[in-house]
Amino acid sequence: MRIVFMGFQTWGFVALEAILRSRHCVPLVFTHPESNHPYETIWNDSVKELALAHGIPVLERRSANAEARAVTDTQPDLIVLSDWRTWLSPQIYTISEFGGINVHDSLLPKYGGFAPLNWAIINGETETGVTVHFVEEEIDVGDIIIQQKIPIAPTETATDVFYRTLPLISSLTLEALDMIEYRQLKPIHQERSQATFFHKRTERDSLIDWQQKNTNVYNLIRAQSDPYPNAYTYHKGKKLRIKKASLPDKCYCGIPGRVFCREESGVVVVCGPGEASPNQGIILELVQEENGDIIKANSYFDRMGYSLGPNMP
């Protein structure tokens, strides 16, 4: 098939790389211009450089909706999207015989939109995956072509899970292309009542609220693992990034944000009360001041009794 590809960052790179290894032809690639947004400067393998290395023309656009002529001239059978971050008009994807498909890193209909992996871990999900679905006028709601799940272990970070989704992007993209080309489709309708759509995350979304229960704080920290903008708090007026944390076996209680005591692996901080467990403690293991070195929390805190939070002394 002749495929017009639209993609960005590592998700787009991996999908395009798989297509280029296949029998299909890619006459045109769209990608977004480089960005300074924190979430667009990581996992930023270049779709543009990959396409140019294969002699494929590239159009850098924030939106492809004014490019009907360019798409039409390629006579595409299909349009494939992977991490294409703006709405695609039906006037574009209906140019191709089979329309458009999108490769999305969540188990749709849940976690449509942006940063689905981070949001899934923040919300304590135990599984995620990759979904390939048809493009419709509304984002991330088209019929599902193929989908595969992977588990999220309680101690895994967003980075751990990210690396396990990449092979699925390659394999499911190619499987979806085969199903379309050989008319082996059995699309699954997305139940709109089950759909959830999440906004982009920004650095300020990672500020720790110590009133939250300890599992919520822990999930935020592992969802914002390097190279993502880390979860952070303030200590003595300085921003403190939390690089690694764990949940204690002992039951700690008290005032949220209080630096309580030392354990072998780190320093216990009190979180808010939970409904299912009286334990309010979380262990900070590795921390980093702005532009500082990553150090053990036991070395960073010179004494106990500090209060953590925005602009706390």
C-alpha atoms as a PDB file:
ATOM      1  CA  MET A   1       0.000   0.000   0.000  1.00  0.00           C
ATOM      2  CA  ARG A   2       0.959   3.630  -0.457  1.00  0.00           C
ATOM      3  CA  ILE A   3       1.000   5.232   2.971  1.00  0.00           C
ATOM      4  CA  VAL A   4       1.167   8.891   3.955  1.00  0.00           C
ATOM      5  CA  PHE A   5       2.658   8.959   7.423  1.00  0.00           C
ATOM      6  CA  MET A   6       2.059  11.605  10.106  1.00  0.00           C
ATOM      7  CA  GLY A   7       4.039  11.293  13.321  1.00  0.00           C
ATOM      8  CA  PHE A   8       6.281  12.831  15.929  1.00  0.00           C
ATOM      9  CA  GLN A   9       8.865  11.879  18.558  1.00  0.00           C
ATOM     10  CA  THR A  10       9.876   8.302  19.376  1.00  0.00           C
ATOM     11  CA  TRP A  11       6.344   6.924  18.991  1.00  0.00           C
ATOM     12  CA  GLY A  12       6.227   8.223  15.430  1.00  0.00           C
ATOM     13  CA  PHE A  13       9.803   7.173  14.733  1.00  0.00           C
ATOM     14  CA  VAL A  14       9.174   3.570  15.813  1.00  0.00           C
ATOM     15  CA  ALA A  15       5.971   3.252  13.771  1.00  0.00           C
ATOM     16  CA  LEU A  16       7.565   4.765  10.650  1.00  0.00           C
ATOM     17  CA  GLU A  17      10.661   2.607  11.040  1.00  0.00           C
ATOM     18  CA  ALA A  18       8.476  -0.502  11.088  1.00  0.00           C
ATOM     19  CA  ILE A  19       6.596   0.566   7.967  1.00  0.00           C
ATOM     20  CA  LEU A  20       9.846   1.312   6.140  1.00  0.00           C
ATOM     21  CA  ARG A  21      11.054  -2.222   6.872  1.00  0.00           C
ATOM     22  CA  SER A  22       7.881  -3.626   5.332  1.00  0.00           C
ATOM     23  CA  ARG A  23       6.730  -4.019   1.741  1.00  0.00           C
ATOM     24  CA  HIS A  24       4.681  -0.813   1.877  1.00  0.00           C
ATOM     25  CA  CYS A  25       5.623   2.456   0.179  1.00  0.00           C
ATOM     26  CA  VAL A  26       5.777   5.811   2.002  1.00  0.00           C
ATOM     27  CA  PRO A  27       5.747   8.674  -0.531  1.00  0.00           C
ATOM     28  CA  LEU A  28       5.271  11.514   1.997  1.00  0.00           C
ATOM     29  CA  VAL A  29       5.843  12.149   5.703  1.00  0.00           C
ATOM     30  CA  PHE A  30       4.412  14.862   7.931  1.00  0.00           C
ATOM     31  CA  THR A  31       5.958  15.722  11.279  1.00  0.00           C
ATOM     32  CA  HIS A  32       5.728  18.564  13.774  1.00  0.00           C
ATOM     33  CA  PRO A  33       8.392  21.261  14.181  1.00  0.00           C
ATOM     34  CA  GLU A  34      10.691  20.957  17.170  1.00  0.00           C
ATOM     35  CA  SER A  35       9.207  22.217  20.426  1.00  0.00           C
ATOM     36  CA  ASN A  36      10.453  23.444  23.809  1.00  0.00           C
ATOM     37  CA  HIS A  37       7.532  21.854  25.670  1.00  0.00           C
ATOM     38  CA  PRO A  38       9.015  19.608  28.422  1.00  0.00           C
ATOM     39  CA  TYR A  39       7.136  16.566  27.154  1.00  0.00           C
ATOM     40  CA  GLU A  40       8.234  17.161  23.547  1.00  0.00           C
ATOM     41  CA  THR A  41      11.959  17.368  24.263  1.00  0.00           C
ATOM     42  CA  ILE A  42      12.151  13.796  25.607  1.00  0.00           C
ATOM     43  CA  TRP A  43      11.703  10.574  23.651  1.00  0.00           C
ATOM     44  CA  ASN A  44      12.426  12.802  20.659  1.00  0.00           C
ATOM     45  CA  ASP A  45      13.837  10.467  18.022  1.00  0.00           C
ATOM     46  CA  SER A  46      13.480  12.424  14.790  1.00  0.00           C
ATOM     47  CA  VAL A  47      10.801  11.343  12.331  1.00  0.00           C
ATOM     48  CA  LYS A  48      12.150  13.983   9.963  1.00  0.00           C
ATOM     49  CA  GLU A  49      15.691  12.610   9.959  1.00  0.00           C
ATOM     50  CA  LEU A  50      14.472   9.039   9.502  1.00  0.00           C
ATOM     51  CA  ALA A  51      12.324   9.979   6.519  1.00  0.00           C
ATOM     52  CA  LEU A  52      15.025  12.078   4.856  1.00  0.00           C
ATOM     53  CA  ALA A  53      17.525   9.244   5.311  1.00  0.00           C
ATOM     54  CA  HIS A  54      15.194   7.143   3.167  1.00  0.00           C
ATOM     55  CA  GLY A  55      14.745   9.868   0.573  1.00  0.00           C
ATOM     56  CA  ILE A  56      11.153  10.633   1.557  1.00  0.00           C
ATOM     57  CA  PRO A  57       9.855  14.228   1.298  1.00  0.00           C
ATOM     58  CA  VAL A  58       8.958  15.725   4.691  1.00  0.00           C
ATOM     59  CA  LEU A  59       6.519  18.511   5.540  1.00  0.00           C
ATOM     60  CA  GLU A  60       6.946  20.030   9.014  1.00  0.00           C
ATOM     61  CA  ARG A  61       3.569  21.311  10.149  1.00  0.00           C
ATOM     62  CA  ARG A  62       1.693  21.878  13.398  1.00  0.00           C
ATOM     63  CA  SER A  63      -1.410  20.886  11.423  1.00  0.00           C
ATOM     64  CA  ALA A  64      -1.828  19.017   8.142  1.00  0.00           C
ATOM     65  CA  ASN A  65      -5.319  20.308   7.449  1.00  0.00           C
ATOM     66  CA  ALA A  66      -4.236  22.796   4.769  1.00  0.00           C
ATOM     67  CA  GLU A  67      -2.262  20.147   2.859  1.00  0.00           C
ATOM     68  CA  ALA A  68      -4.997  18.356   0.906  1.00  0.00           C
ATOM     69  CA  ARG A  69      -3.207  18.939  -2.391  1.00  0.00           C
ATOM     70  CA  ALA A  70       0.068  17.463  -1.163  1.00  0.00           C
ATOM     71  CA  VAL A  71      -1.718  14.399   0.198  1.00  0.00           C
ATOM     72  CA  THR A  72      -3.838  13.940  -2.929  1.00  0.00           C
ATOM     73  CA  ASP A  73      -0.775  14.083  -5.173  1.00  0.00           C
ATOM     74  CA  THR A  74       0.668  10.990  -3.470  1.00  0.00           C
ATOM     75  CA  GLN A  75      -2.444   8.913  -4.283  1.00  0.00           C
ATOM     76  CA  PRO A  76      -2.404   7.211  -0.865  1.00  0.00           C
ATOM     77  CA  ASP A  77      -4.162   4.000   0.052  1.00  0.00           C
ATOM     78  CA  LEU A  78      -3.946   4.836   3.739  1.00  0.00           C
ATOM     79  CA  ILE A  79      -2.871   7.552   6.169  1.00  0.00           C
ATOM     80  CA  VAL A  80      -1.084   6.359   9.323  1.00  0.00           C
ATOM     81  CA  LEU A  81      -0.700   8.518  12.442  1.00  0.00           C
ATOM     82  CA  SER A  82       1.534   7.909  15.452  1.00  0.00           C
ATOM     83  CA  ASP A  83       1.882  10.691  18.026  1.00  0.00           C
ATOM     84  CA  TRP A  84       0.331  13.178  15.619  1.00  0.00           C
ATOM     85  CA  ARG A  85      -0.609  15.825  18.136  1.00  0.00           C
ATOM     86  CA  THR A  86      -3.232  17.942  16.348  1.00  0.00           C
ATOM     87  CA  TRP A  87      -6.731  17.257  15.054  1.00  0.00           C
ATOM     88  CA  LEU A  88      -6.909  15.822  11.535  1.00  0.00           C
ATOM     89  CA  SER A  89      -9.756  16.972   9.317  1.00  0.00           C
ATOM     90  CA  PRO A  90     -11.926  14.422   7.475  1.00  0.00           C
ATOM     91  CA  GLN A  91     -11.033  16.360   4.309  1.00  0.00           C
ATOM     92  CA  ILE A  92      -7.525  14.933   4.716  1.00  0.00           C
ATOM     93  CA  TYR A  93      -7.945  11.355   5.912  1.00  0.00           C
ATOM     94  CA  THR A  94     -10.813  10.609   3.497  1.00  0.00           C
ATOM     95  CA  ILE A  95      -8.494  11.325   0.558  1.00  0.00           C
ATOM     96  CA  SER A  96      -7.055   7.824   0.948  1.00  0.00           C
ATOM     97  CA  GLU A  97      -8.968   4.687  -0.030  1.00  0.00           C
ATOM     98  CA  PHE A  98      -8.937   3.192   3.463  1.00  0.00           C
ATOM     99  CA  GLY A  99      -9.051   6.445   5.429  1.00  0.00           C
ATOM    100  CA  GLY A 100      -6.692   6.891   8.355  1.00  0.00           C
ATOM    101  CA  ILE A 101      -5.500   4.853  11.324  1.00  0.00           C
ATOM    102  CA  ASN A 102      -3.894   6.024  14.552  1.00  0.00           C
ATOM    103  CA  VAL A 103      -1.442   4.206  16.833  1.00  0.00           C
ATOM    104  CA  HIS A 104      -2.172   5.202  20.427  1.00  0.00           C
ATOM    105  CA  ASP A 105      -0.342   4.132  23.594  1.00  0.00           C
ATOM    106  CA  SER A 106      -3.275   3.261  25.827  1.00  0.00           C
ATOM    107  CA  LEU A 107      -6.118   0.779  26.050  1.00  0.00           C
ATOM    108  CA  LEU A 108      -8.809   2.832  24.386  1.00  0.00           C
ATOM    109  CA  PRO A 109     -11.502   3.897  25.068  1.00  0.00           C
ATOM    110  CA  LYS A 110      -9.709   4.806  28.310  1.00  0.00           C
ATOM    111  CA  TYR A 111      -6.869   7.336  28.317  1.00  0.00           C
ATOM    112  CA  GLY A 112      -7.449   9.072  25.040  1.00  0.00           C
ATOM    113  CA  GLY A 113      -5.576  12.336  24.571  1.00  0.00           C
ATOM    114  CA  PHE A 114      -2.154  13.201  25.922  1.00  0.00           C
ATOM    115  CA  ALA A 115       0.441  11.514  28.185  1.00  0.00           C
ATOM    116  CA  PRO A 116      -1.715   8.380  28.589  1.00  0.00           C
ATOM    117  CA  LEU A 117       1.034   6.307  30.182  1.00  0.00           C
ATOM    118  CA  ASN A 118       1.786   8.927  32.844  1.00  0.00           C
ATOM    119  CA  TRP A 119      -1.878   9.401  33.630  1.00  0.00           C
ATOM    120  CA  ALA A 120      -2.457   5.633  33.870  1.00  0.00           C
ATOM    121  CA  ILE A 121       0.282   5.220  36.499  1.00  0.00           C
ATOM    122  CA  ILE A 122      -0.828   8.328  38.392  1.00  0.00           C
ATOM    123  CA  ASN A 123      -4.276   6.772  38.605  1.00  0.00           C
ATOM    124  CA  GLY A 124      -2.902   3.459  39.859  1.00  0.00           C
ATOM    125  CA  GLU A 125      -3.817   1.390  36.798  1.00  0.00           C
ATOM    126  CA  THR A 126      -2.477  -2.165  36.701  1.00  0.00           C
ATOM    127  CA  GLU A 127      -2.386  -2.455  32.907  1.00  0.00           C
ATOM    128  CA  THR A 128      -1.948  -0.394  29.787  1.00  0.00           C
ATOM    129  CA  GLY A 129      -1.154  -1.181  26.167  1.00  0.00           C
ATOM    130  CA  VAL A 130      -1.281  -0.013  22.576  1.00  0.00           C
ATOM    131  CA  THR A 131      -4.357   0.457  20.395  1.00  0.00           C
ATOM    132  CA  VAL A 132      -4.562   0.894  16.624  1.00  0.00           C
ATOM    133  CA  HIS A 133      -7.870   2.421  15.592  1.00  0.00           C
ATOM    134  CA  PHE A 134      -9.502   4.161  12.656  1.00  0.00           C
ATOM    135  CA  VAL A 135      -9.368   7.944  12.587  1.00  0.00           C
ATOM    136  CA  GLU A 136     -12.686   9.711  12.992  1.00  0.00           C
ATOM    137  CA  GLU A 137     -13.596  13.377  13.266  1.00  0.00           C
ATOM    138  CA  GLU A 138     -13.479  13.141  17.062  1.00  0.00           C
ATOM    139  CA  ILE A 139     -10.026  12.352  18.429  1.00  0.00           C
ATOM    140  CA  ASP A 140      -9.202   8.819  19.663  1.00  0.00           C
ATOM    141  CA  VAL A 141     -12.717   7.373  19.390  1.00  0.00           C
ATOM    142  CA  GLY A 142     -12.622   5.463  16.075  1.00  0.00           C
ATOM    143  CA  ASP A 143     -13.278   1.735  15.802  1.00  0.00           C
ATOM    144  CA  ILE A 144     -10.469  -0.422  17.165  1.00  0.00           C
ATOM    145  CA  ILE A 145      -8.544  -2.531  14.643  1.00  0.00           C
ATOM    146  CA  ILE A 146      -6.173  -4.246  17.059  1.00  0.00           C
ATOM    147  CA  GLN A 147      -5.170  -3.808  20.688  1.00  0.00           C
ATOM    148  CA  GLN A 148      -2.723  -5.477  23.060  1.00  0.00           C
ATOM    149  CA  LYS A 149      -2.399  -5.203  26.832  1.00  0.00           C
ATOM    150  CA  ILE A 150       0.675  -5.182  29.052  1.00  0.00           C
ATOM    151  CA  PRO A 151       0.663  -5.237  32.868  1.00  0.00           C
ATOM    152  CA  ILE A 152       1.967  -2.421  35.044  1.00  0.00           C
ATOM    153  CA  ALA A 153       3.756  -3.792  38.108  1.00  0.00           C
ATOM    154  CA  PRO A 154       3.314  -1.873  41.389  1.00  0.00           C
ATOM    155  CA  THR A 155       6.962  -0.773  41.401  1.00  0.00           C
ATOM    156  CA  GLU A 156       7.332   0.043  37.699  1.00  0.00           C
ATOM    157  CA  THR A 157       7.922   3.599  36.544  1.00  0.00           C
ATOM    158  CA  ALA A 158       6.569   5.306  33.458  1.00  0.00           C
ATOM    159  CA  THR A 159       9.992   4.855  31.878  1.00  0.00           C
ATOM    160  CA  ASP A 160       9.966   1.103  32.530  1.00  0.00           C
ATOM    161  CA  VAL A 161       6.565   0.709  30.922  1.00  0.00           C
ATOM    162  CA  PHE A 162       7.372   3.064  28.032  1.00  0.00           C
ATOM    163  CA  TYR A 163      10.177   0.787  26.867  1.00  0.00           C
ATOM    164  CA  ARG A 164       7.831  -2.200  26.950  1.00  0.00           C
ATOM    165  CA  THR A 165       5.257  -0.444  24.757  1.00  0.00           C
ATOM    166  CA  LEU A 166       7.693   0.331  21.921  1.00  0.00           C
ATOM    167  CA  PRO A 167       7.777  -3.200  20.458  1.00  0.00           C
ATOM    168  CA  LEU A 168       3.963  -3.186  20.460  1.00  0.00           C
ATOM    169  CA  ILE A 169       3.915  -0.014  18.373  1.00  0.00           C
ATOM    170  CA  SER A 170       6.008  -1.748  15.699  1.00  0.00           C
ATOM    171  CA  SER A 171       4.189  -5.068  15.672  1.00  0.00           C
ATOM    172  CA  LEU A 172       0.623  -3.763  15.958  1.00  0.00           C
ATOM    173  CA  THR A 173       1.170  -1.155  13.248  1.00  0.00           C
ATOM    174  CA  LEU A 174       2.244  -3.851  10.789  1.00  0.00           C
ATOM    175  CA  GLU A 175      -0.521  -6.235  11.868  1.00  0.00           C
ATOM    176  CA  ALA A 176      -3.107  -3.499  11.323  1.00  0.00           C
ATOM    177  CA  LEU A 177      -1.733  -2.807   7.846  1.00  0.00           C
ATOM    178  CA  ASP A 178      -2.039  -6.493   6.953  1.00  0.00           C
ATOM    179  CA  MET A 179      -5.602  -6.645   8.251  1.00  0.00           C
ATOM    180  CA  ILE A 180      -6.561  -3.609   6.155  1.00  0.00           C
ATOM    181  CA  GLU A 181      -4.780  -4.707   2.979  1.00  0.00           C
ATOM    182  CA  TYR A 182      -6.143  -8.261   3.069  1.00  0.00           C
ATOM    183  CA  ARG A 183      -9.646  -7.243   4.180  1.00  0.00           C
ATOM    184  CA  GLN A 184      -9.412  -9.223   7.415  1.00  0.00           C
ATOM    185  CA  LEU A 185     -10.902  -6.500   9.584  1.00  0.00           C
ATOM    186  CA  LYS A 186     -13.284  -7.101  12.463  1.00  0.00           C
ATOM    187  CA  PRO A 187     -13.409  -3.588  13.943  1.00  0.00           C
ATOM    188  CA  ILE A 188     -14.510  -3.171  17.545  1.00  0.00           C
ATOM    189  CA  HIS A 189     -16.703  -0.177  18.288  1.00  0.00           C
ATOM    190  CA  GLN A 190     -15.473   2.010  21.136  1.00  0.00           C
ATOM    191  CA  GLU A 191     -18.058   2.425  23.840  1.00  0.00           C
ATOM    192  CA  ARG A 192     -18.263   6.203  24.175  1.00  0.00           C
ATOM    193  CA  SER A 193     -19.623   6.000  27.720  1.00  0.00           C
ATOM    194  CA  GLN A 194     -16.326   4.366  28.783  1.00  0.00           C
ATOM    195  CA  ALA A 195     -14.080   6.919  27.066  1.00  0.00           C
ATOM    196  CA  THR A 196     -11.770   9.179  29.051  1.00  0.00           C
ATOM    197  CA  PHE A 197      -9.744  11.989  27.477  1.00  0.00           C
ATOM    198  CA  PHE A 198      -6.759  13.547  29.254  1.00  0.00           C
ATOM    199  CA  HIS A 199      -5.089  16.929  28.753  1.00  0.00           C
ATOM    200  CA  LYS A 200      -1.377  17.605  28.264  1.00  0.00           C
ATOM    201  CA  ARG A 201       0.716  17.503  31.404  1.00  0.00           C
ATOM    202  CA  THR A 202       2.941  20.403  32.404  1.00  0.00           C
ATOM    203  CA  GLU A 203       5.709  20.594  34.997  1.00  0.00           C
ATOM    204  CA  ARG A 204       3.457  22.282  37.555  1.00  0.00           C
ATOM    205  CA  ASP A 205       1.183  19.217  37.478  1.00  0.00           C
ATOM    206  CA  SER A 206       3.966  17.286  39.217  1.00  0.00           C
ATOM    207  CA  LEU A 207       3.946  19.370  42.418  1.00  0.00           C
ATOM    208  CA  ILE A 208       3.309  16.957  45.295  1.00  0.00           C
ATOM    209  CA  ASP A 209       0.241  17.570  47.430  1.00  0.00           C
ATOM    210  CA  TRP A 210       1.157  15.990  50.757  1.00  0.00           C
ATOM    211  CA  GLN A 211      -2.527  15.955  51.742  1.00  0.00           C
ATOM    212  CA  GLN A 212      -2.953  13.112  49.233  1.00  0.00           C
ATOM    213  CA  LYS A 213      -2.694   9.562  50.567  1.00  0.00           C
ATOM    214  CA  ASN A 214       0.691   7.882  50.320  1.00  0.00           C
ATOM    215  CA  THR A 215      -0.210   5.604  47.396  1.00  0.00           C
ATOM    216  CA  ASN A 216      -1.288   8.644  45.349  1.00  0.00           C
ATOM    217  CA  VAL A 217       1.993  10.436  46.057  1.00  0.00           C
ATOM    218  CA  TYR A 218       3.954   7.275  45.273  1.00  0.00           C
ATOM    219  CA  ASN A 219       2.128   6.822  41.955  1.00  0.00           C
ATOM    220  CA  LEU A 220       2.856  10.424  40.981  1.00  0.00           C
ATOM    221  CA  ILE A 221       6.570   9.939  41.696  1.00  0.00           C
ATOM    222  CA  ARG A 222       6.876   6.765  39.613  1.00  0.00           C
ATOM    223  CA  ALA A 223       4.745   8.281  36.835  1.00  0.00           C
ATOM    224  CA  GLN A 224       7.218  11.167  36.581  1.00  0.00           C
ATOM    225  CA  SER A 225      10.443   9.155  36.444  1.00  0.00           C
ATOM    226  CA  ASP A 226      13.443  10.385  34.472  1.00  0.00           C
ATOM    227  CA  PRO A 227      13.483  11.701  31.802  1.00  0.00           C
ATOM    228  CA  TYR A 228       9.990  13.063  32.536  1.00  0.00           C
ATOM    229  CA  PRO A 229       9.724  16.221  34.671  1.00  0.00           C
ATOM    230  CA  ASN A 230       9.965  14.726  38.150  1.00  0.00           C
ATOM    231  CA  ALA A 231       7.469  15.018  40.950  1.00  0.00           C
ATOM    232  CA  TYR A 232       8.710  17.733  43.276  1.00  0.00           C
ATOM    233  CA  THR A 233       8.152  19.547  46.544  1.00  0.00           C
ATOM    234  CA  TYR A 234       9.818  22.450  48.357  1.00  0.00           C
ATOM    235  CA  HIS A 235      12.271  22.241  51.225  1.00  0.00           C
ATOM    236  CA  LYS A 236      13.577  25.391  52.904  1.00  0.00           C
ATOM    237  CA  GLY A 237      12.247  27.434  49.970  1.00  0.00           C
ATOM    238  CA  LYS A 238      14.065  25.358  47.326  1.00  0.00           C
ATOM    239  CA  LYS A 239      12.538  23.045  44.760  1.00  0.00           C
ATOM    240  CA  LEU A 240      13.345  19.426  45.534  1.00  0.00           C
ATOM    241  CA  ARG A 241      12.814  16.776  42.877  1.00  0.00           C
ATOM    242  CA  ILE A 242      11.957  13.271  44.045  1.00  0.00           C
ATOM    243  CA  LYS A 243      13.871  10.773  41.936  1.00  0.00           C
ATOM    244  CA  LYS A 244      12.943   7.561  43.740  1.00  0.00           C
ATOM    245  CA  ALA A 245      10.544   6.563  46.503  1.00  0.00           C
ATOM    246  CA  SER A 246       8.955   3.491  48.051  1.00  0.00           C
ATOM    247  CA  LEU A 247       6.191   2.573  50.462  1.00  0.00           C
ATOM    248  CA  PRO A 248       7.146   1.484  53.995  1.00  0.00           C
ATOM    249  CA  ASP A 249       6.195  -1.733  55.730  1.00  0.00           C
ATOM    250  CA  LYS A 250       5.635   0.083  59.028  1.00  0.00           C
ATOM    251  CA  CYS A 251       2.630   2.281  59.683  1.00  0.00           C
ATOM    252  CA  TYR A 252       3.553   5.973  59.991  1.00  0.00           C
ATOM    253  CA  CYS A 253       1.001   8.670  60.833  1.00  0.00           C
ATOM    254  CA  GLY A 254       0.915  12.376  61.591  1.00  0.00           C
ATOM    255  CA  ILE A 255       0.847  15.780  59.878  1.00  0.00           C
ATOM    256  CA  PRO A 256       1.040  15.669  56.051  1.00  0.00           C
ATOM    257  CA  GLY A 257       4.346  16.966  54.708  1.00  0.00           C
ATOM    258  CA  ARG A 258       6.303  16.316  57.931  1.00  0.00           C
ATOM    259  CA  VAL A 259       9.729  14.714  57.573  1.00  0.00           C
ATOM    260  CA  PHE A 260       9.242  11.991  60.157  1.00  0.00           C
ATOM    261  CA  CYS A 261      12.207   9.631  60.595  1.00  0.00           C
ATOM    262  CA  ARG A 262      14.954   7.691  58.880  1.00  0.00           C
ATOM    263  CA  GLU A 263      14.756   4.181  57.536  1.00  0.00           C
ATOM    264  CA  GLU A 264      17.590   2.200  55.999  1.00  0.00           C
ATOM    265  CA  SER A 265      16.466   3.022  52.444  1.00  0.00           C
ATOM    266  CA  GLY A 266      15.608   6.684  52.996  1.00  0.00           C
ATOM    267  CA  VAL A 267      13.588   9.261  54.877  1.00  0.00           C
ATOM    268  CA  VAL A 268       9.917   8.856  55.792  1.00  0.00           C
ATOM    269  CA  VAL A 269       7.553  11.727  54.981  1.00  0.00           C
ATOM    270  CA  VAL A 270       3.947  11.756  56.162  1.00  0.00           C
ATOM    271  CA  CYS A 271       1.159  11.977  53.581  1.00  0.00           C
ATOM    272  CA  GLY A 272      -2.560  12.454  54.024  1.00  0.00           C
ATOM    273  CA  PRO A 273      -4.838   9.801  55.535  1.00  0.00           C
ATOM    274  CA  GLY A 274      -6.210   7.084  53.289  1.00  0.00           C
ATOM    275  CA  GLU A 275      -9.511   5.265  53.454  1.00  0.00           C
ATOM    276  CA  ALA A 276      -8.254   1.677  53.253  1.00  0.00           C
ATOM    277  CA  SER A 277      -5.089   1.922  55.362  1.00  0.00           C
ATOM    278  CA  PRO A 278      -3.982   4.029  58.327  1.00  0.00           C
ATOM    279  CA  ASN A 279      -0.424   4.162  56.944  1.00  0.00           C
ATOM    280  CA  GLN A 280       0.446   7.709  55.831  1.00  0.00           C
ATOM    281  CA  GLY A 281       4.147   7.199  55.255  1.00  0.00           C
ATOM    282  CA  ILE A 282       6.242   7.275  52.092  1.00  0.00           C
ATOM    283  CA  ILE A 283      10.001   6.763  51.916  1.00  0.00           C
ATOM    284  CA  LEU A 284      11.978   9.263  49.842  1.00  0.00           C
ATOM    285  CA  GLU A 285      15.103   7.467  48.635  1.00  0.00           C
ATOM    286  CA  LEU A 286      16.774   9.746  46.072  1.00  0.00           C
ATOM    287  CA  VAL A 287      16.311  13.517  45.736  1.00  0.00           C
ATOM    288  CA  GLN A 288      17.779  16.380  43.715  1.00  0.00           C
ATOM    289  CA  GLU A 289      17.817  20.122  44.228  1.00  0.00           C
ATOM    290  CA  GLU A 290      17.489  22.305  41.125  1.00  0.00           C
ATOM    291  CA  ASN A 291      20.753  21.961  39.131  1.00  0.00           C
ATOM    292  CA  GLY A 292      22.204  19.811  41.910  1.00  0.00           C
ATOM    293  CA  ASP A 293      23.394  16.236  42.083  1.00  0.00           C
ATOM    294  CA  ILE A 294      21.139  13.272  42.747  1.00  0.00           C
ATOM    295  CA  ILE A 295      21.783  12.219  46.338  1.00  0.00           C
ATOM    296  CA  LYS A 296      20.366   9.851  48.900  1.00  0.00           C
ATOM    297  CA  ALA A 297      17.594  11.389  50.980  1.00  0.00           C
ATOM    298  CA  ASN A 298      19.312  10.187  54.140  1.00  0.00           C
ATOM    299  CA  SER A 299      22.280  12.373  53.229  1.00  0.00           C
ATOM    300  CA  TYR A 300      20.202  15.341  52.052  1.00  0.00           C
ATOM    301  CA  PHE A 301      18.094  15.839  55.211  1.00  0.00           C
ATOM    302  CA  ASP A 302      20.339  16.931  58.075  1.00  0.00           C
ATOM    303  CA  ARG A 303      17.588  16.486  60.650  1.00  0.00           C
ATOM    304  CA  MET A 304      13.992  15.374  61.002  1.00  0.00           C
ATOM    305  CA  GLY A 305      10.965  17.573  61.666  1.00  0.00           C
ATOM    306  CA  TYR A 306      11.041  19.672  58.493  1.00  0.00           C
ATOM    307  CA  SER A 307       7.759  20.400  56.724  1.00  0.00           C
ATOM    308  CA  LEU A 308       7.682  19.935  52.947  1.00  0.00           C
ATOM    309  CA  GLY A 309       5.417  21.805  50.584  1.00  0.00           C
ATOM    310  CA  PRO A 310       5.179  25.054  48.579  1.00  0.00           C
ATOM    311  CA  ASN A 311       7.518  27.651  50.071  1.00  0.00           C
ATOM    312  CA  MET A 312       7.790  25.842  53.402  1.00  0.00           C
ATOM    313  CA  PRO A 313      10.691  26.848  55.701  1.00  0.00           C
END
